[in-house]
Amino acid sequence: METHGPLGTLWVGLGLCAFYIALIWINTLLGFVLTPLFLVPLTWLQDRVRGKSPARG
């Protein structure tokens, strides 16, 4: 069984930390981007169901 010592452990720890920070970051961005993509068409659908005419700006 090989041992990589404390430097290898720190290196792996830094790599895992960077991975999880990137994972949280991308999930946050996806939430900000994907939420409007679902909410905007949903409001259009609700307006059609209620019989409202679309607002012209």
PDB file of N, CA and C in Angstrom:
ATOM      1  N   MET A   1       0.846  -1.178   0.000  1.00  0.00           N
ATOM      2  CA  MET A   1       0.000   0.000   0.000  1.00  0.00           C
ATOM      3  C   MET A   1       0.894   1.244   0.000  1.00  0.00           C
ATOM      4  N   GLU A   2       0.631   2.133  -0.939  1.00  0.00           N
ATOM      5  CA  GLU A   2       1.450   3.341  -1.026  1.00  0.00           C
ATOM      6  C   GLU A   2       0.923   4.412  -0.084  1.00  0.00           C
ATOM      7  N   THR A   3       1.824   5.218   0.402  1.00  0.00           N
ATOM      8  CA  THR A   3       1.426   6.382   1.195  1.00  0.00           C
ATOM      9  C   THR A   3       1.954   7.623   0.492  1.00  0.00           C
ATOM     10  N   HIS A   4       1.170   8.652   0.498  1.00  0.00           N
ATOM     11  CA  HIS A   4       1.561   9.878  -0.193  1.00  0.00           C
ATOM     12  C   HIS A   4       1.898  11.000   0.776  1.00  0.00           C
ATOM     13  N   GLY A   5       1.779  10.738   2.034  1.00  0.00           N
ATOM     14  CA  GLY A   5       2.190  11.702   3.030  1.00  0.00           C
ATOM     15  C   GLY A   5       1.216  12.849   3.195  1.00  0.00           C
ATOM     16  N   PRO A   6       1.579  13.775   4.061  1.00  0.00           N
ATOM     17  CA  PRO A   6       0.677  14.898   4.357  1.00  0.00           C
ATOM     18  C   PRO A   6       0.494  15.845   3.174  1.00  0.00           C
ATOM     19  N   LEU A   7       1.519  15.968   2.320  1.00  0.00           N
ATOM     20  CA  LEU A   7       1.388  16.866   1.170  1.00  0.00           C
ATOM     21  C   LEU A   7       0.338  16.338   0.188  1.00  0.00           C
ATOM     22  N   GLY A   8       0.324  15.037  -0.035  1.00  0.00           N
ATOM     23  CA  GLY A   8      -0.683  14.443  -0.906  1.00  0.00           C
ATOM     24  C   GLY A   8      -2.080  14.596  -0.340  1.00  0.00           C
ATOM     25  N   THR A   9      -2.202  14.450   0.965  1.00  0.00           N
ATOM     26  CA  THR A   9      -3.507  14.614   1.614  1.00  0.00           C
ATOM     27  C   THR A   9      -4.001  16.046   1.470  1.00  0.00           C
ATOM     28  N   LEU A  10      -3.105  17.000   1.662  1.00  0.00           N
ATOM     29  CA  LEU A  10      -3.488  18.408   1.502  1.00  0.00           C
ATOM     30  C   LEU A  10      -3.865  18.709   0.053  1.00  0.00           C
ATOM     31  N   TRP A  11      -3.119  18.137  -0.889  1.00  0.00           N
ATOM     32  CA  TRP A  11      -3.390  18.345  -2.313  1.00  0.00           C
ATOM     33  C   TRP A  11      -4.773  17.816  -2.687  1.00  0.00           C
ATOM     34  N   VAL A  12      -5.103  16.630  -2.226  1.00  0.00           N
ATOM     35  CA  VAL A  12      -6.414  16.043  -2.495  1.00  0.00           C
ATOM     36  C   VAL A  12      -7.499  16.862  -1.801  1.00  0.00           C
ATOM     37  N   GLY A  13      -7.230  17.319  -0.594  1.00  0.00           N
ATOM     38  CA  GLY A  13      -8.196  18.152   0.126  1.00  0.00           C
ATOM     39  C   GLY A  13      -8.482  19.455  -0.607  1.00  0.00           C
ATOM     40  N   LEU A  14      -7.446  20.089  -1.141  1.00  0.00           N
ATOM     41  CA  LEU A  14      -7.642  21.320  -1.912  1.00  0.00           C
ATOM     42  C   LEU A  14      -8.423  21.050  -3.193  1.00  0.00           C
ATOM     43  N   GLY A  15      -8.115  19.937  -3.842  1.00  0.00           N
ATOM     44  CA  GLY A  15      -8.838  19.577  -5.060  1.00  0.00           C
ATOM     45  C   GLY A  15     -10.316  19.330  -4.792  1.00  0.00           C
ATOM     46  N   LEU A  16     -10.623  18.616  -3.729  1.00  0.00           N
ATOM     47  CA  LEU A  16     -12.024  18.358  -3.382  1.00  0.00           C
ATOM     48  C   LEU A  16     -12.742  19.643  -2.988  1.00  0.00           C
ATOM     49  N   CYS A  17     -12.050  20.507  -2.277  1.00  0.00           N
ATOM     50  CA  CYS A  17     -12.637  21.796  -1.889  1.00  0.00           C
ATOM     51  C   CYS A  17     -12.973  22.617  -3.133  1.00  0.00           C
ATOM     52  N   ALA A  18     -12.049  22.678  -4.079  1.00  0.00           N
ATOM     53  CA  ALA A  18     -12.299  23.420  -5.323  1.00  0.00           C
ATOM     54  C   ALA A  18     -13.449  22.798  -6.106  1.00  0.00           C
ATOM     55  N   PHE A  19     -13.521  21.476  -6.118  1.00  0.00           N
ATOM     56  CA  PHE A  19     -14.596  20.787  -6.827  1.00  0.00           C
ATOM     57  C   PHE A  19     -15.956  21.141  -6.230  1.00  0.00           C
ATOM     58  N   TYR A  20     -16.072  21.097  -4.921  1.00  0.00           N
ATOM     59  CA  TYR A  20     -17.364  21.383  -4.297  1.00  0.00           C
ATOM     60  C   TYR A  20     -17.741  22.857  -4.404  1.00  0.00           C
ATOM     61  N   ILE A  21     -16.762  23.746  -4.361  1.00  0.00           N
ATOM     62  CA  ILE A  21     -17.057  25.168  -4.578  1.00  0.00           C
ATOM     63  C   ILE A  21     -17.584  25.372  -5.994  1.00  0.00           C
ATOM     64  N   ALA A  22     -16.956  24.728  -6.981  1.00  0.00           N
ATOM     65  CA  ALA A  22     -17.424  24.842  -8.365  1.00  0.00           C
ATOM     66  C   ALA A  22     -18.814  24.237  -8.523  1.00  0.00           C
ATOM     67  N   LEU A  23     -19.077  23.143  -7.840  1.00  0.00           N
ATOM     68  CA  LEU A  23     -20.386  22.495  -7.919  1.00  0.00           C
ATOM     69  C   LEU A  23     -21.482  23.400  -7.359  1.00  0.00           C
ATOM     70  N   ILE A  24     -21.218  24.022  -6.226  1.00  0.00           N
ATOM     71  CA  ILE A  24     -22.194  24.947  -5.634  1.00  0.00           C
ATOM     72  C   ILE A  24     -22.394  26.151  -6.549  1.00  0.00           C
ATOM     73  N   TRP A  25     -21.311  26.650  -7.130  1.00  0.00           N
ATOM     74  CA  TRP A  25     -21.379  27.815  -8.008  1.00  0.00           C
ATOM     75  C   TRP A  25     -22.223  27.526  -9.244  1.00  0.00           C
ATOM     76  N   ILE A  26     -21.991  26.388  -9.881  1.00  0.00           N
ATOM     77  CA  ILE A  26     -22.742  26.068 -11.102  1.00  0.00           C
ATOM     78  C   ILE A  26     -24.203  25.797 -10.780  1.00  0.00           C
ATOM     79  N   ASN A  27     -24.487  25.187  -9.642  1.00  0.00           N
ATOM     80  CA  ASN A  27     -25.880  24.959  -9.265  1.00  0.00           C
ATOM     81  C   ASN A  27     -26.591  26.268  -8.963  1.00  0.00           C
ATOM     82  N   THR A  28     -25.889  27.223  -8.377  1.00  0.00           N
ATOM     83  CA  THR A  28     -26.486  28.537  -8.124  1.00  0.00           C
ATOM     84  C   THR A  28     -26.784  29.244  -9.440  1.00  0.00           C
ATOM     85  N   LEU A  29     -25.827  29.209 -10.372  1.00  0.00           N
ATOM     86  CA  LEU A  29     -26.050  29.841 -11.672  1.00  0.00           C
ATOM     87  C   LEU A  29     -27.197  29.186 -12.423  1.00  0.00           C
ATOM     88  N   LEU A  30     -27.276  27.865 -12.378  1.00  0.00           N
ATOM     89  CA  LEU A  30     -28.367  27.168 -13.054  1.00  0.00           C
ATOM     90  C   LEU A  30     -29.709  27.573 -12.463  1.00  0.00           C
ATOM     91  N   GLY A  31     -29.759  27.765 -11.160  1.00  0.00           N
ATOM     92  CA  GLY A  31     -30.998  28.213 -10.532  1.00  0.00           C
ATOM     93  C   GLY A  31     -31.410  29.588 -11.013  1.00  0.00           C
ATOM     94  N   PHE A  32     -30.449  30.488 -11.151  1.00  0.00           N
ATOM     95  CA  PHE A  32     -30.766  31.843 -11.611  1.00  0.00           C
ATOM     96  C   PHE A  32     -31.173  31.867 -13.082  1.00  0.00           C
ATOM     97  N   VAL A  33     -30.606  30.968 -13.883  1.00  0.00           N
ATOM     98  CA  VAL A  33     -30.882  30.966 -15.321  1.00  0.00           C
ATOM     99  C   VAL A  33     -32.141  30.171 -15.647  1.00  0.00           C
ATOM    100  N   LEU A  34     -32.298  29.007 -15.037  1.00  0.00           N
ATOM    101  CA  LEU A  34     -33.401  28.126 -15.405  1.00  0.00           C
ATOM    102  C   LEU A  34     -34.738  28.539 -14.801  1.00  0.00           C
ATOM    103  N   THR A  35     -34.732  29.171 -13.639  1.00  0.00           N
ATOM    104  CA  THR A  35     -35.996  29.554 -13.006  1.00  0.00           C
ATOM    105  C   THR A  35     -36.822  30.475 -13.899  1.00  0.00           C
ATOM    106  N   PRO A  36     -36.269  31.558 -14.466  1.00  0.00           N
ATOM    107  CA  PRO A  36     -37.089  32.393 -15.357  1.00  0.00           C
ATOM    108  C   PRO A  36     -37.541  31.655 -16.612  1.00  0.00           C
ATOM    109  N   LEU A  37     -36.745  30.701 -17.087  1.00  0.00           N
ATOM    110  CA  LEU A  37     -37.135  29.962 -18.285  1.00  0.00           C
ATOM    111  C   LEU A  37     -38.397  29.137 -18.057  1.00  0.00           C
ATOM    112  N   PHE A  38     -38.658  28.768 -16.812  1.00  0.00           N
ATOM    113  CA  PHE A  38     -39.881  28.034 -16.508  1.00  0.00           C
ATOM    114  C   PHE A  38     -40.993  28.966 -16.036  1.00  0.00           C
ATOM    115  N   LEU A  39     -40.645  30.035 -15.318  1.00  0.00           N
ATOM    116  CA  LEU A  39     -41.675  30.915 -14.761  1.00  0.00           C
ATOM    117  C   LEU A  39     -42.343  31.788 -15.814  1.00  0.00           C
ATOM    118  N   VAL A  40     -41.589  32.296 -16.763  1.00  0.00           N
ATOM    119  CA  VAL A  40     -42.173  33.197 -17.764  1.00  0.00           C
ATOM    120  C   VAL A  40     -43.208  32.482 -18.629  1.00  0.00           C
ATOM    121  N   PRO A  41     -42.902  31.321 -19.218  1.00  0.00           N
ATOM    122  CA  PRO A  41     -43.958  30.628 -19.973  1.00  0.00           C
ATOM    123  C   PRO A  41     -45.125  30.201 -19.091  1.00  0.00           C
ATOM    124  N   LEU A  42     -44.862  29.905 -17.826  1.00  0.00           N
ATOM    125  CA  LEU A  42     -45.947  29.531 -16.914  1.00  0.00           C
ATOM    126  C   LEU A  42     -46.900  30.701 -16.710  1.00  0.00           C
ATOM    127  N   THR A  43     -46.383  31.921 -16.599  1.00  0.00           N
ATOM    128  CA  THR A  43     -47.271  33.082 -16.452  1.00  0.00           C
ATOM    129  C   THR A  43     -48.050  33.325 -17.739  1.00  0.00           C
ATOM    130  N   TRP A  44     -47.430  33.081 -18.895  1.00  0.00           N
ATOM    131  CA  TRP A  44     -48.168  33.206 -20.161  1.00  0.00           C
ATOM    132  C   TRP A  44     -49.323  32.213 -20.193  1.00  0.00           C
ATOM    133  N   LEU A  45     -49.060  30.992 -19.758  1.00  0.00           N
ATOM    134  CA  LEU A  45     -50.094  29.962 -19.739  1.00  0.00           C
ATOM    135  C   LEU A  45     -51.218  30.339 -18.772  1.00  0.00           C
ATOM    136  N   GLN A  46     -50.865  30.861 -17.613  1.00  0.00           N
ATOM    137  CA  GLN A  46     -51.885  31.271 -16.645  1.00  0.00           C
ATOM    138  C   GLN A  46     -52.740  32.400 -17.204  1.00  0.00           C
ATOM    139  N   ASP A  47     -52.131  33.333 -17.910  1.00  0.00           N
ATOM    140  CA  ASP A  47     -52.899  34.424 -18.509  1.00  0.00           C
ATOM    141  C   ASP A  47     -53.869  33.897 -19.560  1.00  0.00           C
ATOM    142  N   ARG A  48     -53.434  32.939 -20.357  1.00  0.00           N
ATOM    143  CA  ARG A  48     -54.333  32.369 -21.377  1.00  0.00           C
ATOM    144  C   ARG A  48     -55.485  31.611 -20.740  1.00  0.00           C
ATOM    145  N   VAL A  49     -55.206  30.890 -19.667  1.00  0.00           N
ATOM    146  CA  VAL A  49     -56.254  30.122 -18.994  1.00  0.00           C
ATOM    147  C   VAL A  49     -57.281  31.072 -18.378  1.00  0.00           C
ATOM    148  N   ARG A  50     -56.824  32.181 -17.834  1.00  0.00           N
ATOM    149  CA  ARG A  50     -57.738  33.152 -17.221  1.00  0.00           C
ATOM    150  C   ARG A  50     -58.441  34.018 -18.257  1.00  0.00           C
ATOM    151  N   GLY A  51     -58.005  33.970 -19.505  1.00  0.00           N
ATOM    152  CA  GLY A  51     -58.655  34.718 -20.574  1.00  0.00           C
ATOM    153  C   GLY A  51     -58.214  36.158 -20.692  1.00  0.00           C
ATOM    154  N   LYS A  52     -57.078  36.486 -20.104  1.00  0.00           N
ATOM    155  CA  LYS A  52     -56.576  37.859 -20.209  1.00  0.00           C
ATOM    156  C   LYS A  52     -55.862  38.035 -21.541  1.00  0.00           C
ATOM    157  N   SER A  53     -55.982  39.231 -22.097  1.00  0.00           N
ATOM    158  CA  SER A  53     -55.238  39.516 -23.323  1.00  0.00           C
ATOM    159  C   SER A  53     -53.809  39.887 -22.939  1.00  0.00           C
ATOM    160  N   PRO A  54     -52.845  39.563 -23.781  1.00  0.00           N
ATOM    161  CA  PRO A  54     -51.461  39.898 -23.449  1.00  0.00           C
ATOM    162  C   PRO A  54     -51.254  41.409 -23.410  1.00  0.00           C
ATOM    163  N   ALA A  55     -50.481  41.854 -22.452  1.00  0.00           N
ATOM    164  CA  ALA A  55     -50.205  43.284 -22.304  1.00  0.00           C
ATOM    165  C   ALA A  55     -49.251  43.726 -23.405  1.00  0.00           C
ATOM    166  N   ARG A  56     -49.580  44.794 -24.052  1.00  0.00           N
ATOM    167  CA  ARG A  56     -48.714  45.347 -25.104  1.00  0.00           C
ATOM    168  C   ARG A  56     -48.023  46.578 -24.535  1.00  0.00           C
ATOM    169  N   GLY A  57     -46.701  46.552 -24.575  1.00  0.00           N
ATOM    170  CA  GLY A  57     -45.974  47.597 -23.910  1.00  0.00           C
ATOM    171  C   GLY A  57     -45.534  48.694 -24.754  1.00  0.00           C
TER     172      GLY A  57
END
